[in-house]
Amino acid sequence: MQSAFHQTVRAWDGSYYVPRFSADDAGRAGRVVLACVLAVGFLYCGVVAYDVLQDLRQVKLIDLRAVLYRVSVGDAVLTWLAYVCGRDLLRAALR
């Protein structure tokens, strides 16, 4: 019976079980999955930051104190995270 994870390789001195996916293949797949997860997280932070900035557009300079009531701590942290990630991605792209 053939396993889904191993394949049998026959050599002159016997048979061996060899993994179907090498460590390099697993590393490449892991990097792709990690990049996709980070992209989704960055997009979520960007959407939250955009919503926060659109909400703050309506605040007048004289009502600056109202910002504390409109923006939650979580929204502020996600906005800051989107800014930092975007800045670092832009720096990496320009190198």
PDB file of N, CA and C in Angstrom:
ATOM      1  N   MET A   1       0.837  -1.169   0.000  1.00  0.00           N
ATOM      2  CA  MET A   1       0.000   0.000   0.000  1.00  0.00           C
ATOM      3  C   MET A   1       0.892   1.246   0.000  1.00  0.00           C
ATOM      4  N   GLN A   2       0.613   2.161  -0.892  1.00  0.00           N
ATOM      5  CA  GLN A   2       1.392   3.388  -1.058  1.00  0.00           C
ATOM      6  C   GLN A   2       0.879   4.463  -0.099  1.00  0.00           C
ATOM      7  N   SER A   3       1.764   5.118   0.605  1.00  0.00           N
ATOM      8  CA  SER A   3       1.392   6.185   1.520  1.00  0.00           C
ATOM      9  C   SER A   3       1.324   7.508   0.755  1.00  0.00           C
ATOM     10  N   ALA A   4       0.501   8.411   1.247  1.00  0.00           N
ATOM     11  CA  ALA A   4       0.374   9.722   0.614  1.00  0.00           C
ATOM     12  C   ALA A   4       1.561  10.613   0.953  1.00  0.00           C
ATOM     13  N   PHE A   5       2.295  10.273   2.010  1.00  0.00           N
ATOM     14  CA  PHE A   5       3.393  11.118   2.448  1.00  0.00           C
ATOM     15  C   PHE A   5       4.767  10.615   2.003  1.00  0.00           C
ATOM     16  N   HIS A   6       4.856   9.350   1.626  1.00  0.00           N
ATOM     17  CA  HIS A   6       6.127   8.764   1.233  1.00  0.00           C
ATOM     18  C   HIS A   6       5.987   8.065  -0.107  1.00  0.00           C
ATOM     19  N   GLN A   7       7.094   7.971  -0.796  1.00  0.00           N
ATOM     20  CA  GLN A   7       7.125   7.164  -2.001  1.00  0.00           C
ATOM     21  C   GLN A   7       8.274   6.171  -1.863  1.00  0.00           C
ATOM     22  N   THR A   8       8.143   5.018  -2.472  1.00  0.00           N
ATOM     23  CA  THR A   8       9.161   3.987  -2.379  1.00  0.00           C
ATOM     24  C   THR A   8      10.154   4.164  -3.522  1.00  0.00           C
ATOM     25  N   VAL A   9      11.410   4.245  -3.163  1.00  0.00           N
ATOM     26  CA  VAL A   9      12.477   4.350  -4.150  1.00  0.00           C
ATOM     27  C   VAL A   9      13.283   3.071  -4.064  1.00  0.00           C
ATOM     28  N   ARG A  10      13.449   2.425  -5.208  1.00  0.00           N
ATOM     29  CA  ARG A  10      14.204   1.174  -5.238  1.00  0.00           C
ATOM     30  C   ARG A  10      15.631   1.471  -5.699  1.00  0.00           C
ATOM     31  N   ALA A  11      16.568   0.944  -4.959  1.00  0.00           N
ATOM     32  CA  ALA A  11      17.983   1.103  -5.290  1.00  0.00           C
ATOM     33  C   ALA A  11      18.620  -0.274  -5.367  1.00  0.00           C
ATOM     34  N   TRP A  12      19.856  -0.334  -5.760  1.00  0.00           N
ATOM     35  CA  TRP A  12      20.521  -1.630  -5.923  1.00  0.00           C
ATOM     36  C   TRP A  12      20.714  -2.350  -4.594  1.00  0.00           C
ATOM     37  N   ASP A  13      20.710  -1.592  -3.487  1.00  0.00           N
ATOM     38  CA  ASP A  13      20.897  -2.230  -2.182  1.00  0.00           C
ATOM     39  C   ASP A  13      19.608  -2.306  -1.365  1.00  0.00           C
ATOM     40  N   GLY A  14      18.452  -2.054  -1.958  1.00  0.00           N
ATOM     41  CA  GLY A  14      17.195  -2.209  -1.240  1.00  0.00           C
ATOM     42  C   GLY A  14      16.193  -1.134  -1.613  1.00  0.00           C
ATOM     43  N   SER A  15      15.103  -1.078  -0.845  1.00  0.00           N
ATOM     44  CA  SER A  15      14.052  -0.089  -1.056  1.00  0.00           C
ATOM     45  C   SER A  15      14.076   0.916   0.079  1.00  0.00           C
ATOM     46  N   TYR A  16      13.757   2.156  -0.268  1.00  0.00           N
ATOM     47  CA  TYR A  16      13.748   3.214   0.723  1.00  0.00           C
ATOM     48  C   TYR A  16      12.450   3.994   0.623  1.00  0.00           C
ATOM     49  N   TYR A  17      12.008   4.501   1.769  1.00  0.00           N
ATOM     50  CA  TYR A  17      10.869   5.418   1.789  1.00  0.00           C
ATOM     51  C   TYR A  17      11.414   6.832   1.762  1.00  0.00           C
ATOM     52  N   VAL A  18      10.996   7.603   0.779  1.00  0.00           N
ATOM     53  CA  VAL A  18      11.452   8.974   0.615  1.00  0.00           C
ATOM     54  C   VAL A  18      10.229   9.877   0.724  1.00  0.00           C
ATOM     55  N   PRO A  19      10.318  10.984   1.475  1.00  0.00           N
ATOM     56  CA  PRO A  19       9.171  11.890   1.565  1.00  0.00           C
ATOM     57  C   PRO A  19       8.818  12.466   0.193  1.00  0.00           C
ATOM     58  N   ARG A  20       7.514  12.610  -0.054  1.00  0.00           N
ATOM     59  CA  ARG A  20       7.085  13.188  -1.328  1.00  0.00           C
ATOM     60  C   ARG A  20       7.390  14.687  -1.384  1.00  0.00           C
ATOM     61  N   PHE A  21       7.323  15.359  -0.244  1.00  0.00           N
ATOM     62  CA  PHE A  21       7.625  16.778  -0.167  1.00  0.00           C
ATOM     63  C   PHE A  21       8.918  16.950   0.608  1.00  0.00           C
ATOM     64  N   SER A  22       9.871  17.620   0.006  1.00  0.00           N
ATOM     65  CA  SER A  22      11.142  17.844   0.687  1.00  0.00           C
ATOM     66  C   SER A  22      10.997  19.002   1.672  1.00  0.00           C
ATOM     67  N   ALA A  23      12.028  19.228   2.433  1.00  0.00           N
ATOM     68  CA  ALA A  23      12.022  20.340   3.392  1.00  0.00           C
ATOM     69  C   ALA A  23      11.974  21.678   2.654  1.00  0.00           C
ATOM     70  N   ASP A  24      12.605  21.750   1.486  1.00  0.00           N
ATOM     71  CA  ASP A  24      12.559  22.992   0.703  1.00  0.00           C
ATOM     72  C   ASP A  24      11.146  23.285   0.223  1.00  0.00           C
ATOM     73  N   ASP A  25      10.435  22.239  -0.214  1.00  0.00           N
ATOM     74  CA  ASP A  25       9.047  22.428  -0.651  1.00  0.00           C
ATOM     75  C   ASP A  25       8.166  22.887   0.508  1.00  0.00           C
ATOM     76  N   ALA A  26       8.360  22.286   1.666  1.00  0.00           N
ATOM     77  CA  ALA A  26       7.576  22.682   2.842  1.00  0.00           C
ATOM     78  C   ALA A  26       7.905  24.112   3.263  1.00  0.00           C
ATOM     79  N   GLY A  27       9.171  24.489   3.174  1.00  0.00           N
ATOM     80  CA  GLY A  27       9.564  25.864   3.512  1.00  0.00           C
ATOM     81  C   GLY A  27       8.954  26.881   2.559  1.00  0.00           C
ATOM     82  N   ARG A  28       8.960  26.558   1.246  1.00  0.00           N
ATOM     83  CA  ARG A  28       8.344  27.461   0.268  1.00  0.00           C
ATOM     84  C   ARG A  28       6.849  27.600   0.520  1.00  0.00           C
ATOM     85  N   ALA A  29       6.194  26.486   0.779  1.00  0.00           N
ATOM     86  CA  ALA A  29       4.748  26.527   1.044  1.00  0.00           C
ATOM     87  C   ALA A  29       4.454  27.317   2.316  1.00  0.00           C
ATOM     88  N   GLY A  30       5.284  27.144   3.336  1.00  0.00           N
ATOM     89  CA  GLY A  30       5.104  27.906   4.576  1.00  0.00           C
ATOM     90  C   GLY A  30       5.277  29.395   4.375  1.00  0.00           C
ATOM     91  N   ARG A  31       6.255  29.784   3.551  1.00  0.00           N
ATOM     92  CA  ARG A  31       6.456  31.205   3.278  1.00  0.00           C
ATOM     93  C   ARG A  31       5.289  31.808   2.509  1.00  0.00           C
ATOM     94  N   VAL A  32       4.733  31.038   1.581  1.00  0.00           N
ATOM     95  CA  VAL A  32       3.581  31.533   0.819  1.00  0.00           C
ATOM     96  C   VAL A  32       2.376  31.708   1.736  1.00  0.00           C
ATOM     97  N   VAL A  33       2.130  30.731   2.593  1.00  0.00           N
ATOM     98  CA  VAL A  33       1.001  30.819   3.526  1.00  0.00           C
ATOM     99  C   VAL A  33       1.197  31.989   4.485  1.00  0.00           C
ATOM    100  N   LEU A  34       2.397  32.156   5.004  1.00  0.00           N
ATOM    101  CA  LEU A  34       2.674  33.262   5.919  1.00  0.00           C
ATOM    102  C   LEU A  34       2.501  34.611   5.228  1.00  0.00           C
ATOM    103  N   ALA A  35       2.954  34.718   3.984  1.00  0.00           N
ATOM    104  CA  ALA A  35       2.790  35.966   3.241  1.00  0.00           C
ATOM    105  C   ALA A  35       1.311  36.268   3.009  1.00  0.00           C
ATOM    106  N   CYS A  36       0.513  35.255   2.722  1.00  0.00           N
ATOM    107  CA  CYS A  36      -0.929  35.468   2.520  1.00  0.00           C
ATOM    108  C   CYS A  36      -1.609  35.917   3.816  1.00  0.00           C
ATOM    109  N   VAL A  37      -1.256  35.290   4.920  1.00  0.00           N
ATOM    110  CA  VAL A  37      -1.845  35.663   6.211  1.00  0.00           C
ATOM    111  C   VAL A  37      -1.452  37.092   6.580  1.00  0.00           C
ATOM    112  N   LEU A  38      -0.191  37.446   6.373  1.00  0.00           N
ATOM    113  CA  LEU A  38       0.247  38.812   6.674  1.00  0.00           C
ATOM    114  C   LEU A  38      -0.417  39.829   5.758  1.00  0.00           C
ATOM    115  N   ALA A  39      -0.624  39.467   4.493  1.00  0.00           N
ATOM    116  CA  ALA A  39      -1.298  40.387   3.568  1.00  0.00           C
ATOM    117  C   ALA A  39      -2.740  40.627   3.995  1.00  0.00           C
ATOM    118  N   VAL A  40      -3.430  39.575   4.412  1.00  0.00           N
ATOM    119  CA  VAL A  40      -4.812  39.732   4.883  1.00  0.00           C
ATOM    120  C   VAL A  40      -4.846  40.590   6.145  1.00  0.00           C
ATOM    121  N   GLY A  41      -3.919  40.361   7.064  1.00  0.00           N
ATOM    122  CA  GLY A  41      -3.854  41.171   8.282  1.00  0.00           C
ATOM    123  C   GLY A  41      -3.541  42.624   7.982  1.00  0.00           C
ATOM    124  N   PHE A  42      -2.623  42.871   7.050  1.00  0.00           N
ATOM    125  CA  PHE A  42      -2.293  44.237   6.676  1.00  0.00           C
ATOM    126  C   PHE A  42      -3.488  44.919   6.015  1.00  0.00           C
ATOM    127  N   LEU A  43      -4.202  44.209   5.170  1.00  0.00           N
ATOM    128  CA  LEU A  43      -5.386  44.787   4.537  1.00  0.00           C
ATOM    129  C   LEU A  43      -6.459  45.123   5.569  1.00  0.00           C
ATOM    130  N   TYR A  44      -6.638  44.252   6.562  1.00  0.00           N
ATOM    131  CA  TYR A  44      -7.619  44.527   7.623  1.00  0.00           C
ATOM    132  C   TYR A  44      -7.222  45.788   8.394  1.00  0.00           C
ATOM    133  N   CYS A  45      -5.927  45.891   8.754  1.00  0.00           N
ATOM    134  CA  CYS A  45      -5.464  47.087   9.466  1.00  0.00           C
ATOM    135  C   CYS A  45      -5.652  48.332   8.601  1.00  0.00           C
ATOM    136  N   GLY A  46      -5.405  48.198   7.305  1.00  0.00           N
ATOM    137  CA  GLY A  46      -5.586  49.332   6.403  1.00  0.00           C
ATOM    138  C   GLY A  46      -7.031  49.777   6.305  1.00  0.00           C
ATOM    139  N   VAL A  47      -7.948  48.826   6.269  1.00  0.00           N
ATOM    140  CA  VAL A  47      -9.381  49.167   6.203  1.00  0.00           C
ATOM    141  C   VAL A  47      -9.821  49.871   7.477  1.00  0.00           C
ATOM    142  N   VAL A  48      -9.371  49.375   8.626  1.00  0.00           N
ATOM    143  CA  VAL A  48      -9.709  50.026   9.895  1.00  0.00           C
ATOM    144  C   VAL A  48      -9.117  51.432   9.936  1.00  0.00           C
ATOM    145  N   ALA A  49      -7.871  51.578   9.489  1.00  0.00           N
ATOM    146  CA  ALA A  49      -7.247  52.902   9.478  1.00  0.00           C
ATOM    147  C   ALA A  49      -7.993  53.850   8.556  1.00  0.00           C
ATOM    148  N   TYR A  50      -8.428  53.372   7.422  1.00  0.00           N
ATOM    149  CA  TYR A  50      -9.185  54.211   6.493  1.00  0.00           C
ATOM    150  C   TYR A  50     -10.508  54.665   7.119  1.00  0.00           C
ATOM    151  N   ASP A  51     -11.205  53.737   7.788  1.00  0.00           N
ATOM    152  CA  ASP A  51     -12.458  54.089   8.451  1.00  0.00           C
ATOM    153  C   ASP A  51     -12.240  55.120   9.556  1.00  0.00           C
ATOM    154  N   VAL A  52     -11.163  54.954  10.322  1.00  0.00           N
ATOM    155  CA  VAL A  52     -10.862  55.909  11.396  1.00  0.00           C
ATOM    156  C   VAL A  52     -10.588  57.288  10.808  1.00  0.00           C
ATOM    157  N   LEU A  53      -9.788  57.335   9.758  1.00  0.00           N
ATOM    158  CA  LEU A  53      -9.469  58.632   9.156  1.00  0.00           C
ATOM    159  C   LEU A  53     -10.689  59.275   8.515  1.00  0.00           C
ATOM    160  N   GLN A  54     -11.583  58.493   7.938  1.00  0.00           N
ATOM    161  CA  GLN A  54     -12.806  59.057   7.378  1.00  0.00           C
ATOM    162  C   GLN A  54     -13.705  59.614   8.478  1.00  0.00           C
ATOM    163  N   ASP A  55     -13.726  58.933   9.613  1.00  0.00           N
ATOM    164  CA  ASP A  55     -14.512  59.413  10.744  1.00  0.00           C
ATOM    165  C   ASP A  55     -13.911  60.688  11.325  1.00  0.00           C
ATOM    166  N   LEU A  56     -12.583  60.779  11.341  1.00  0.00           N
ATOM    167  CA  LEU A  56     -11.925  61.965  11.894  1.00  0.00           C
ATOM    168  C   LEU A  56     -11.991  63.162  10.962  1.00  0.00           C
ATOM    169  N   ARG A  57     -12.296  62.955   9.701  1.00  0.00           N
ATOM    170  CA  ARG A  57     -12.436  64.079   8.778  1.00  0.00           C
ATOM    171  C   ARG A  57     -13.571  65.003   9.181  1.00  0.00           C
ATOM    172  N   GLN A  58     -14.547  64.460   9.885  1.00  0.00           N
ATOM    173  CA  GLN A  58     -15.721  65.243  10.268  1.00  0.00           C
ATOM    174  C   GLN A  58     -15.485  66.072  11.523  1.00  0.00           C
ATOM    175  N   VAL A  59     -14.378  65.827  12.216  1.00  0.00           N
ATOM    176  CA  VAL A  59     -14.098  66.544  13.465  1.00  0.00           C
ATOM    177  C   VAL A  59     -13.423  67.870  13.135  1.00  0.00           C
ATOM    178  N   LYS A  60     -13.949  68.939  13.682  1.00  0.00           N
ATOM    179  CA  LYS A  60     -13.363  70.266  13.503  1.00  0.00           C
ATOM    180  C   LYS A  60     -12.201  70.432  14.472  1.00  0.00           C
ATOM    181  N   LEU A  61     -11.327  71.347  14.173  1.00  0.00           N
ATOM    182  CA  LEU A  61     -10.154  71.564  15.008  1.00  0.00           C
ATOM    183  C   LEU A  61     -10.538  72.015  16.411  1.00  0.00           C
ATOM    184  N   ILE A  62     -11.596  72.755  16.525  1.00  0.00           N
ATOM    185  CA  ILE A  62     -12.054  73.233  17.830  1.00  0.00           C
ATOM    186  C   ILE A  62     -12.629  72.094  18.682  1.00  0.00           C
ATOM    187  N   ASP A  63     -13.101  71.049  18.016  1.00  0.00           N
ATOM    188  CA  ASP A  63     -13.666  69.896  18.723  1.00  0.00           C
ATOM    189  C   ASP A  63     -12.658  68.756  18.823  1.00  0.00           C
ATOM    190  N   LEU A  64     -11.395  69.063  18.951  1.00  0.00           N
ATOM    191  CA  LEU A  64     -10.354  68.044  18.980  1.00  0.00           C
ATOM    192  C   LEU A  64     -10.536  67.069  20.147  1.00  0.00           C
ATOM    193  N   ARG A  65     -11.156  67.531  21.190  1.00  0.00           N
ATOM    194  CA  ARG A  65     -11.409  66.673  22.343  1.00  0.00           C
ATOM    195  C   ARG A  65     -12.386  65.545  21.997  1.00  0.00           C
ATOM    196  N   ALA A  66     -13.228  65.780  20.996  1.00  0.00           N
ATOM    197  CA  ALA A  66     -14.191  64.756  20.583  1.00  0.00           C
ATOM    198  C   ALA A  66     -13.520  63.544  19.946  1.00  0.00           C
ATOM    199  N   VAL A  67     -12.264  63.687  19.536  1.00  0.00           N
ATOM    200  CA  VAL A  67     -11.532  62.565  18.938  1.00  0.00           C
ATOM    201  C   VAL A  67     -11.413  61.423  19.934  1.00  0.00           C
ATOM    202  N   LEU A  68     -11.209  61.749  21.190  1.00  0.00           N
ATOM    203  CA  LEU A  68     -11.071  60.706  22.209  1.00  0.00           C
ATOM    204  C   LEU A  68     -12.348  59.887  22.367  1.00  0.00           C
ATOM    205  N   TYR A  69     -13.487  60.467  22.055  1.00  0.00           N
ATOM    206  CA  TYR A  69     -14.750  59.744  22.155  1.00  0.00           C
ATOM    207  C   TYR A  69     -15.064  58.973  20.880  1.00  0.00           C
ATOM    208  N   ARG A  70     -14.478  59.352  19.762  1.00  0.00           N
ATOM    209  CA  ARG A  70     -14.791  58.713  18.483  1.00  0.00           C
ATOM    210  C   ARG A  70     -13.877  57.536  18.156  1.00  0.00           C
ATOM    211  N   VAL A  71     -12.652  57.565  18.631  1.00  0.00           N
ATOM    212  CA  VAL A  71     -11.657  56.549  18.275  1.00  0.00           C
ATOM    213  C   VAL A  71     -11.387  55.668  19.487  1.00  0.00           C
ATOM    214  N   SER A  72     -11.583  54.384  19.313  1.00  0.00           N
ATOM    215  CA  SER A  72     -11.289  53.461  20.407  1.00  0.00           C
ATOM    216  C   SER A  72      -9.795  53.149  20.423  1.00  0.00           C
ATOM    217  N   VAL A  73      -9.350  52.542  21.495  1.00  0.00           N
ATOM    218  CA  VAL A  73      -7.936  52.195  21.623  1.00  0.00           C
ATOM    219  C   VAL A  73      -7.559  51.150  20.581  1.00  0.00           C
ATOM    220  N   GLY A  74      -8.442  50.189  20.352  1.00  0.00           N
ATOM    221  CA  GLY A  74      -8.170  49.159  19.349  1.00  0.00           C
ATOM    222  C   GLY A  74      -8.030  49.736  17.954  1.00  0.00           C
ATOM    223  N   ASP A  75      -8.904  50.682  17.614  1.00  0.00           N
ATOM    224  CA  ASP A  75      -8.804  51.333  16.310  1.00  0.00           C
ATOM    225  C   ASP A  75      -7.506  52.121  16.189  1.00  0.00           C
ATOM    226  N   ALA A  76      -7.113  52.785  17.256  1.00  0.00           N
ATOM    227  CA  ALA A  76      -5.868  53.561  17.225  1.00  0.00           C
ATOM    228  C   ALA A  76      -4.660  52.642  17.062  1.00  0.00           C
ATOM    229  N   VAL A  77      -4.658  51.509  17.751  1.00  0.00           N
ATOM    230  CA  VAL A  77      -3.546  50.561  17.633  1.00  0.00           C
ATOM    231  C   VAL A  77      -3.489  49.975  16.226  1.00  0.00           C
ATOM    232  N   LEU A  78      -4.638  49.599  15.655  1.00  0.00           N
ATOM    233  CA  LEU A  78      -4.649  49.055  14.305  1.00  0.00           C
ATOM    234  C   LEU A  78      -4.238  50.105  13.272  1.00  0.00           C
ATOM    235  N   THR A  79      -4.615  51.341  13.483  1.00  0.00           N
ATOM    236  CA  THR A  79      -4.184  52.418  12.589  1.00  0.00           C
ATOM    237  C   THR A  79      -2.675  52.601  12.665  1.00  0.00           C
ATOM    238  N   TRP A  80      -2.133  52.597  13.866  1.00  0.00           N
ATOM    239  CA  TRP A  80      -0.688  52.712  14.032  1.00  0.00           C
ATOM    240  C   TRP A  80       0.033  51.522  13.399  1.00  0.00           C
ATOM    241  N   LEU A  81      -0.503  50.311  13.583  1.00  0.00           N
ATOM    242  CA  LEU A  81       0.106  49.113  13.006  1.00  0.00           C
ATOM    243  C   LEU A  81       0.089  49.156  11.481  1.00  0.00           C
ATOM    244  N   ALA A  82      -1.013  49.609  10.903  1.00  0.00           N
ATOM    245  CA  ALA A  82      -1.084  49.745   9.444  1.00  0.00           C
ATOM    246  C   ALA A  82      -0.068  50.765   8.953  1.00  0.00           C
ATOM    247  N   TYR A  83       0.109  51.866   9.683  1.00  0.00           N
ATOM    248  CA  TYR A  83       1.089  52.881   9.300  1.00  0.00           C
ATOM    249  C   TYR A  83       2.508  52.318   9.337  1.00  0.00           C
ATOM    250  N   VAL A  84       2.846  51.611  10.408  1.00  0.00           N
ATOM    251  CA  VAL A  84       4.195  51.072  10.552  1.00  0.00           C
ATOM    252  C   VAL A  84       4.462  50.011   9.479  1.00  0.00           C
ATOM    253  N   CYS A  85       3.523  49.113   9.264  1.00  0.00           N
ATOM    254  CA  CYS A  85       3.706  48.069   8.244  1.00  0.00           C
ATOM    255  C   CYS A  85       3.797  48.678   6.848  1.00  0.00           C
ATOM    256  N   GLY A  86       2.955  49.627   6.559  1.00  0.00           N
ATOM    257  CA  GLY A  86       2.994  50.273   5.253  1.00  0.00           C
ATOM    258  C   GLY A  86       4.293  51.021   5.026  1.00  0.00           C
ATOM    259  N   ARG A  87       4.770  51.711   6.050  1.00  0.00           N
ATOM    260  CA  ARG A  87       6.037  52.429   5.951  1.00  0.00           C
ATOM    261  C   ARG A  87       7.193  51.471   5.708  1.00  0.00           C
ATOM    262  N   ASP A  88       7.222  50.354   6.431  1.00  0.00           N
ATOM    263  CA  ASP A  88       8.303  49.386   6.261  1.00  0.00           C
ATOM    264  C   ASP A  88       8.237  48.695   4.898  1.00  0.00           C
ATOM    265  N   LEU A  89       7.037  48.401   4.434  1.00  0.00           N
ATOM    266  CA  LEU A  89       6.887  47.808   3.109  1.00  0.00           C
ATOM    267  C   LEU A  89       7.340  48.776   2.018  1.00  0.00           C
ATOM    268  N   LEU A  90       7.037  50.036   2.183  1.00  0.00           N
ATOM    269  CA  LEU A  90       7.461  51.045   1.210  1.00  0.00           C
ATOM    270  C   LEU A  90       8.978  51.190   1.214  1.00  0.00           C
ATOM    271  N   ARG A  91       9.596  51.187   2.383  1.00  0.00           N
ATOM    272  CA  ARG A  91      11.060  51.247   2.463  1.00  0.00           C
ATOM    273  C   ARG A  91      11.694  50.037   1.793  1.00  0.00           C
ATOM    274  N   ALA A  92      11.134  48.853   2.041  1.00  0.00           N
ATOM    275  CA  ALA A  92      11.683  47.637   1.443  1.00  0.00           C
ATOM    276  C   ALA A  92      11.523  47.652  -0.076  1.00  0.00           C
ATOM    277  N   ALA A  93      10.418  48.186  -0.565  1.00  0.00           N
ATOM    278  CA  ALA A  93      10.192  48.223  -2.008  1.00  0.00           C
ATOM    279  C   ALA A  93      11.109  49.228  -2.685  1.00  0.00           C
ATOM    280  N   LEU A  94      11.477  50.299  -1.992  1.00  0.00           N
ATOM    281  CA  LEU A  94      12.319  51.319  -2.600  1.00  0.00           C
ATOM    282  C   LEU A  94      13.801  50.973  -2.556  1.00  0.00           C
ATOM    283  N   ARG A  95      14.197  49.956  -1.804  1.00  0.00           N
ATOM    284  CA  ARG A  95      15.613  49.559  -1.747  1.00  0.00           C
ATOM    285  C   ARG A  95      16.014  48.842  -2.977  1.00  0.00           C
TER     286      ARG A  95
END
